[in-house]
PDB file of all heavy atoms in Angstrom:
ATOM      1  N   GLY A   1      10.470 -42.426  39.648  1.00  0.00           N
ATOM      2  CA  GLY A   1      11.012 -43.505  40.608  1.00  0.00           C
ATOM      3  C   GLY A   1      11.006 -44.962  39.927  1.00  0.00           C
ATOM      4  O   GLY A   1      12.003 -45.566  40.077  1.00  0.00           O
ATOM      5  N   ASN A   2       9.918 -45.289  39.304  1.00  0.00           N
ATOM      6  CA  ASN A   2       9.887 -46.648  38.594  1.00  0.00           C
ATOM      7  C   ASN A   2      10.868 -46.740  37.466  1.00  0.00           C
ATOM      8  O   ASN A   2      11.442 -47.825  37.333  1.00  0.00           O
ATOM      9  CB  ASN A   2       8.400 -46.920  38.175  1.00  0.00           C
ATOM     10  CG  ASN A   2       7.512 -47.377  39.252  1.00  0.00           C
ATOM     11  OD1 ASN A   2       8.024 -47.953  40.202  1.00  0.00           O
ATOM     12  ND2 ASN A   2       6.230 -46.895  39.153  1.00  0.00           N
ATOM     13  N   ALA A   3      11.016 -45.731  36.666  1.00  0.00           N
ATOM     14  CA  ALA A   3      11.927 -45.814  35.526  1.00  0.00           C
ATOM     15  C   ALA A   3      13.392 -45.954  36.009  1.00  0.00           C
ATOM     16  O   ALA A   3      14.170 -46.774  35.413  1.00  0.00           O
ATOM     17  CB  ALA A   3      11.800 -44.549  34.708  1.00  0.00           C
ATOM     18  N   ILE A   4      13.701 -45.116  36.987  1.00  0.00           N
ATOM     19  CA  ILE A   4      15.225 -45.287  37.582  1.00  0.00           C
ATOM     20  C   ILE A   4      15.291 -46.538  38.283  1.00  0.00           C
ATOM     21  O   ILE A   4      16.391 -47.189  38.114  1.00  0.00           O
ATOM     22  CB  ILE A   4      15.443 -44.101  38.482  1.00  0.00           C
ATOM     23  CG1 ILE A   4      15.448 -42.745  37.778  1.00  0.00           C
ATOM     24  CG2 ILE A   4      16.742 -44.257  39.189  1.00  0.00           C
ATOM     25  CD1 ILE A   4      15.611 -41.535  38.428  1.00  0.00           C
ATOM     26  N   ALA A   5      14.332 -47.004  38.998  1.00  0.00           N
ATOM     27  CA  ALA A   5      14.434 -48.358  39.638  1.00  0.00           C
ATOM     28  C   ALA A   5      14.697 -49.451  38.699  1.00  0.00           C
ATOM     29  O   ALA A   5      15.461 -50.345  38.853  1.00  0.00           O
ATOM     30  CB  ALA A   5      13.142 -48.609  40.447  1.00  0.00           C
ATOM     31  N   GLY A   6      13.990 -49.446  37.513  1.00  0.00           N
ATOM     32  CA  GLY A   6      14.170 -50.370  36.382  1.00  0.00           C
ATOM     33  C   GLY A   6      15.639 -50.328  35.854  1.00  0.00           C
ATOM     34  O   GLY A   6      16.172 -51.475  35.560  1.00  0.00           O
ATOM     35  N   ILE A   7      16.148 -49.259  35.703  1.00  0.00           N
ATOM     36  CA  ILE A   7      17.559 -49.067  35.197  1.00  0.00           C
ATOM     37  C   ILE A   7      18.506 -49.732  36.132  1.00  0.00           C
ATOM     38  O   ILE A   7      19.467 -50.467  35.650  1.00  0.00           O
ATOM     39  CB  ILE A   7      17.994 -47.630  35.059  1.00  0.00           C
ATOM     40  CG1 ILE A   7      17.115 -46.816  34.028  1.00  0.00           C
ATOM     41  CG2 ILE A   7      19.463 -47.449  34.736  1.00  0.00           C
ATOM     42  CD1 ILE A   7      17.287 -45.427  33.835  1.00  0.00           C
ATOM     43  N   PHE A   8      18.219 -49.698  37.435  1.00  0.00           N
ATOM     44  CA  PHE A   8      19.205 -50.304  38.358  1.00  0.00           C
ATOM     45  C   PHE A   8      18.807 -51.731  38.830  1.00  0.00           C
ATOM     46  O   PHE A   8      19.409 -52.234  39.713  1.00  0.00           O
ATOM     47  CB  PHE A   8      19.392 -49.485  39.642  1.00  0.00           C
ATOM     48  CG  PHE A   8      20.175 -48.161  39.301  1.00  0.00           C
ATOM     49  CD1 PHE A   8      19.554 -47.022  38.883  1.00  0.00           C
ATOM     50  CD2 PHE A   8      21.584 -48.192  39.281  1.00  0.00           C
ATOM     51  CE1 PHE A   8      20.256 -45.848  38.588  1.00  0.00           C
ATOM     52  CE2 PHE A   8      22.341 -47.078  38.979  1.00  0.00           C
ATOM     53  CZ  PHE A   8      21.592 -45.836  38.662  1.00  0.00           C
ATOM     54  N   GLY A   9      17.727 -52.354  38.303  1.00  0.00           N
ATOM     55  CA  GLY A   9      17.487 -53.682  38.583  1.00  0.00           C
ATOM     56  C   GLY A   9      16.273 -53.856  39.623  1.00  0.00           C
ATOM     57  O   GLY A   9      16.215 -54.963  40.283  1.00  0.00           O
ATOM     58  N   GLY A  10      15.458 -52.851  39.941  1.00  0.00           N
ATOM     59  CA  GLY A  10      14.409 -52.861  40.846  1.00  0.00           C
ATOM     60  C   GLY A  10      13.161 -52.967  40.120  1.00  0.00           C
ATOM     61  O   GLY A  10      12.931 -52.510  39.057  1.00  0.00           O
ATOM     62  N   ILE A  11      12.148 -53.717  40.916  1.00  0.00           N
ATOM     63  CA  ILE A  11      10.822 -53.853  40.252  1.00  0.00           C
ATOM     64  C   ILE A  11      10.018 -52.645  40.542  1.00  0.00           C
ATOM     65  O   ILE A  11      10.265 -51.916  41.576  1.00  0.00           O
ATOM     66  CB  ILE A  11      10.069 -55.101  40.887  1.00  0.00           C
ATOM     67  CG1 ILE A  11       9.925 -54.964  42.420  1.00  0.00           C
ATOM     68  CG2 ILE A  11      10.836 -56.398  40.558  1.00  0.00           C
ATOM     69  CD1 ILE A  11       9.181 -56.158  43.012  1.00  0.00           C
ATOM     70  N   PRO A  12       9.007 -52.276  39.740  1.00  0.00           N
ATOM     71  CA  PRO A  12       8.221 -51.101  39.950  1.00  0.00           C
ATOM     72  C   PRO A  12       7.150 -51.298  41.016  1.00  0.00           C
ATOM     73  O   PRO A  12       6.872 -52.372  41.447  1.00  0.00           O
ATOM     74  CB  PRO A  12       7.404 -50.912  38.548  1.00  0.00           C
ATOM     75  CG  PRO A  12       7.397 -52.319  38.010  1.00  0.00           C
ATOM     76  CD  PRO A  12       8.592 -52.992  38.410  1.00  0.00           C
ATOM     77  N   GLY A  13       6.759 -50.200  41.593  1.00  0.00           N
ATOM     78  CA  GLY A  13       5.795 -50.195  42.746  1.00  0.00           C
ATOM     79  C   GLY A  13       4.758 -48.978  42.650  1.00  0.00           C
ATOM     80  O   GLY A  13       4.719 -48.303  41.628  1.00  0.00           O
ATOM     81  N   ALA A  14       4.180 -48.700  43.779  1.00  0.00           N
ATOM     82  CA  ALA A  14       3.260 -47.670  43.890  1.00  0.00           C
ATOM     83  C   ALA A  14       3.096 -47.121  45.236  1.00  0.00           C
ATOM     84  O   ALA A  14       3.725 -47.807  46.217  1.00  0.00           O
ATOM     85  CB  ALA A  14       1.895 -48.129  43.312  1.00  0.00           C
ATOM     86  N   GLY A  15       2.427 -46.076  45.506  1.00  0.00           N
ATOM     87  CA  GLY A  15       2.089 -45.686  46.808  1.00  0.00           C
ATOM     88  C   GLY A  15       1.294 -46.701  47.547  1.00  0.00           C
ATOM     89  O   GLY A  15       0.347 -47.205  47.062  1.00  0.00           O
ATOM     90  N   ALA A  16       1.666 -46.874  48.745  1.00  0.00           N
ATOM     91  CA  ALA A  16       1.068 -47.998  49.560  1.00  0.00           C
ATOM     92  C   ALA A  16       0.279 -47.402  50.823  1.00  0.00           C
ATOM     93  O   ALA A  16       0.748 -46.560  51.523  1.00  0.00           O
ATOM     94  CB  ALA A  16       2.045 -48.975  50.108  1.00  0.00           C
ATOM     95  N   THR A  17      -1.036 -47.776  50.895  1.00  0.00           N
ATOM     96  CA  THR A  17      -1.842 -47.200  51.939  1.00  0.00           C
ATOM     97  C   THR A  17      -1.251 -47.520  53.359  1.00  0.00           C
ATOM     98  O   THR A  17      -1.150 -46.635  54.259  1.00  0.00           O
ATOM     99  CB  THR A  17      -3.350 -47.756  51.750  1.00  0.00           C
ATOM    100  OG1 THR A  17      -3.779 -47.363  50.542  1.00  0.00           O
ATOM    101  CG2 THR A  17      -4.162 -47.041  52.839  1.00  0.00           C
ATOM    102  N   ALA A  18      -0.916 -48.709  53.673  1.00  0.00           N
ATOM    103  CA  ALA A  18      -0.498 -49.070  55.031  1.00  0.00           C
ATOM    104  C   ALA A  18       0.701 -48.305  55.395  1.00  0.00           C
ATOM    105  O   ALA A  18       0.812 -47.802  56.529  1.00  0.00           O
ATOM    106  CB  ALA A  18      -0.162 -50.570  55.015  1.00  0.00           C
ATOM    107  N   THR A  19       1.769 -48.298  54.494  1.00  0.00           N
ATOM    108  CA  THR A  19       3.028 -47.496  54.828  1.00  0.00           C
ATOM    109  C   THR A  19       2.704 -46.021  54.919  1.00  0.00           C
ATOM    110  O   THR A  19       3.305 -45.309  55.794  1.00  0.00           O
ATOM    111  CB  THR A  19       4.028 -47.823  53.845  1.00  0.00           C
ATOM    112  OG1 THR A  19       3.602 -47.566  52.513  1.00  0.00           O
ATOM    113  CG2 THR A  19       4.514 -49.255  53.883  1.00  0.00           C
ATOM    114  N   THR A  20       1.876 -45.463  54.056  1.00  0.00           N
ATOM    115  CA  THR A  20       1.665 -44.060  54.095  1.00  0.00           C
ATOM    116  C   THR A  20       0.852 -43.659  55.407  1.00  0.00           C
ATOM    117  O   THR A  20       1.249 -42.580  56.003  1.00  0.00           O
ATOM    118  CB  THR A  20       0.766 -43.635  52.827  1.00  0.00           C
ATOM    119  OG1 THR A  20       1.528 -43.868  51.672  1.00  0.00           O
ATOM    120  CG2 THR A  20       0.374 -42.148  52.909  1.00  0.00           C
ATOM    121  N   VAL A  21      -0.134 -44.458  55.738  1.00  0.00           N
ATOM    122  CA  VAL A  21      -0.885 -44.171  56.995  1.00  0.00           C
ATOM    123  C   VAL A  21       0.095 -44.372  58.182  1.00  0.00           C
ATOM    124  O   VAL A  21       0.047 -43.424  59.175  1.00  0.00           O
ATOM    125  CB  VAL A  21      -2.032 -45.112  57.089  1.00  0.00           C
ATOM    126  CG1 VAL A  21      -2.737 -44.915  58.532  1.00  0.00           C
ATOM    127  CG2 VAL A  21      -3.104 -44.828  56.014  1.00  0.00           C
ATOM    128  N   THR A  22       0.968 -45.283  58.166  1.00  0.00           N
ATOM    129  CA  THR A  22       1.880 -45.506  59.263  1.00  0.00           C
ATOM    130  C   THR A  22       2.821 -44.267  59.372  1.00  0.00           C
ATOM    131  O   THR A  22       3.162 -43.718  60.450  1.00  0.00           O
ATOM    132  CB  THR A  22       2.712 -46.673  59.041  1.00  0.00           C
ATOM    133  OG1 THR A  22       1.973 -47.820  59.005  1.00  0.00           O
ATOM    134  CG2 THR A  22       3.834 -46.851  60.101  1.00  0.00           C
ATOM    135  N   ASN A  23       3.287 -43.696  58.215  1.00  0.00           N
ATOM    136  CA  ASN A  23       4.110 -42.557  58.201  1.00  0.00           C
ATOM    137  C   ASN A  23       3.363 -41.294  58.839  1.00  0.00           C
ATOM    138  O   ASN A  23       4.022 -40.638  59.720  1.00  0.00           O
ATOM    139  CB  ASN A  23       4.481 -42.198  56.804  1.00  0.00           C
ATOM    140  CG  ASN A  23       5.377 -40.960  56.650  1.00  0.00           C
ATOM    141  OD1 ASN A  23       6.208 -40.633  57.536  1.00  0.00           O
ATOM    142  ND2 ASN A  23       5.105 -40.165  55.609  1.00  0.00           N
ATOM    143  N   ILE A  24       2.236 -41.178  58.447  1.00  0.00           N
ATOM    144  CA  ILE A  24       1.278 -39.991  58.932  1.00  0.00           C
ATOM    145  C   ILE A  24       1.158 -40.127  60.424  1.00  0.00           C
ATOM    146  O   ILE A  24       1.216 -39.205  61.281  1.00  0.00           O
ATOM    147  CB  ILE A  24      -0.019 -39.897  58.170  1.00  0.00           C
ATOM    148  CG1 ILE A  24       0.403 -39.510  56.743  1.00  0.00           C
ATOM    149  CG2 ILE A  24      -0.757 -38.778  58.762  1.00  0.00           C
ATOM    150  CD1 ILE A  24      -0.891 -39.606  55.737  1.00  0.00           C
ATOM    151  N   LYS A  25       0.629 -41.316  60.872  1.00  0.00           N
ATOM    152  CA  LYS A  25       0.276 -41.581  62.293  1.00  0.00           C
ATOM    153  C   LYS A  25       1.530 -41.504  63.162  1.00  0.00           C
ATOM    154  O   LYS A  25       1.354 -41.207  64.408  1.00  0.00           O
ATOM    155  CB  LYS A  25      -0.376 -42.922  62.458  1.00  0.00           C
ATOM    156  CG  LYS A  25      -1.718 -43.097  61.699  1.00  0.00           C
ATOM    157  CD  LYS A  25      -2.756 -42.218  62.267  1.00  0.00           C
ATOM    158  CE  LYS A  25      -4.099 -42.435  61.689  1.00  0.00           C
ATOM    159  NZ  LYS A  25      -5.206 -41.531  62.175  1.00  0.00           N
ATOM    160  N   SER A  26       2.694 -41.688  62.652  1.00  0.00           N
ATOM    161  CA  SER A  26       3.900 -41.629  63.425  1.00  0.00           C
ATOM    162  C   SER A  26       4.466 -40.220  63.481  1.00  0.00           C
ATOM    163  O   SER A  26       5.485 -40.124  64.206  1.00  0.00           O
ATOM    164  CB  SER A  26       4.948 -42.649  62.830  1.00  0.00           C
ATOM    165  OG  SER A  26       4.549 -44.004  62.815  1.00  0.00           O
ATOM    166  N   GLY A  27       3.878 -39.370  62.754  1.00  0.00           N
ATOM    167  CA  GLY A  27       4.358 -38.006  62.778  1.00  0.00           C
ATOM    168  C   GLY A  27       4.882 -37.431  61.525  1.00  0.00           C
ATOM    169  O   GLY A  27       5.233 -36.193  61.439  1.00  0.00           O
ATOM    170  N   GLY A  28       4.931 -38.148  60.408  1.00  0.00           N
ATOM    171  CA  GLY A  28       5.453 -37.663  59.134  1.00  0.00           C
ATOM    172  C   GLY A  28       4.630 -36.566  58.602  1.00  0.00           C
ATOM    173  O   GLY A  28       3.358 -36.750  58.444  1.00  0.00           O
ATOM    174  N   THR A  29       5.197 -35.472  58.131  1.00  0.00           N
ATOM    175  CA  THR A  29       4.418 -34.379  57.658  1.00  0.00           C
ATOM    176  C   THR A  29       4.939 -33.788  56.322  1.00  0.00           C
ATOM    177  O   THR A  29       4.228 -33.036  55.662  1.00  0.00           O
ATOM    178  CB  THR A  29       4.269 -33.187  58.736  1.00  0.00           C
ATOM    179  OG1 THR A  29       5.589 -32.732  59.022  1.00  0.00           O
ATOM    180  CG2 THR A  29       3.567 -33.624  59.764  1.00  0.00           C
ATOM    181  N   THR A  30       6.234 -34.104  55.960  1.00  0.00           N
ATOM    182  CA  THR A  30       6.750 -33.516  54.843  1.00  0.00           C
ATOM    183  C   THR A  30       7.430 -34.652  53.987  1.00  0.00           C
ATOM    184  O   THR A  30       7.402 -35.819  54.319  1.00  0.00           O
ATOM    185  CB  THR A  30       7.898 -32.485  55.150  1.00  0.00           C
ATOM    186  OG1 THR A  30       9.047 -33.191  55.597  1.00  0.00           O
ATOM    187  CG2 THR A  30       7.382 -31.490  56.253  1.00  0.00           C
ATOM    188  N   ARG A  31       7.975 -34.250  52.829  1.00  0.00           N
ATOM    189  CA  ARG A  31       8.714 -35.130  51.927  1.00  0.00           C
ATOM    190  C   ARG A  31       9.921 -35.757  52.593  1.00  0.00           C
ATOM    191  O   ARG A  31      10.315 -36.849  52.210  1.00  0.00           O
ATOM    192  CB  ARG A  31       9.114 -34.383  50.634  1.00  0.00           C
ATOM    193  CG  ARG A  31       7.977 -33.784  49.871  1.00  0.00           C
ATOM    194  CD  ARG A  31       8.498 -33.041  48.691  1.00  0.00           C
ATOM    195  NE  ARG A  31       7.316 -32.446  47.960  1.00  0.00           N
ATOM    196  CZ  ARG A  31       6.538 -32.948  47.207  1.00  0.00           C
ATOM    197  NH1 ARG A  31       6.631 -34.203  46.891  1.00  0.00           N
ATOM    198  NH2 ARG A  31       5.537 -32.224  46.675  1.00  0.00           N
ATOM    199  N   ILE A  32      10.491 -35.034  53.574  1.00  0.00           N
ATOM    200  CA  ILE A  32      11.622 -35.687  54.289  1.00  0.00           C
ATOM    201  C   ILE A  32      11.349 -37.090  54.859  1.00  0.00           C
ATOM    202  O   ILE A  32      12.299 -37.878  54.908  1.00  0.00           O
ATOM    203  CB  ILE A  32      12.153 -34.691  55.385  1.00  0.00           C
ATOM    204  CG1 ILE A  32      12.411 -33.360  54.716  1.00  0.00           C
ATOM    205  CG2 ILE A  32      13.331 -35.256  56.109  1.00  0.00           C
ATOM    206  CD1 ILE A  32      13.544 -33.339  53.813  1.00  0.00           C
ATOM    207  N   SER A  33      10.119 -37.214  55.293  1.00  0.00           N
ATOM    208  CA  SER A  33       9.777 -38.533  55.843  1.00  0.00           C
ATOM    209  C   SER A  33       9.921 -39.675  54.839  1.00  0.00           C
ATOM    210  O   SER A  33      10.490 -40.713  55.143  1.00  0.00           O
ATOM    211  CB  SER A  33       8.329 -38.530  56.388  1.00  0.00           C
ATOM    212  OG  SER A  33       7.441 -38.289  55.389  1.00  0.00           O
ATOM    213  N   GLY A  34       9.569 -39.383  53.537  1.00  0.00           N
ATOM    214  CA  GLY A  34       9.755 -40.388  52.597  1.00  0.00           C
ATOM    215  C   GLY A  34      11.199 -40.648  52.240  1.00  0.00           C
ATOM    216  O   GLY A  34      11.645 -41.777  51.940  1.00  0.00           O
TER     217      GLY A  34
END
């Protein structure tokens, strides 16, 4: 993800606890949620 983002002009990042917990608490269970 970071390598392809860099090719198209995006800054690198990482898994984020706040967003991941929000996803799970809201009902996300599979990769489709991402």
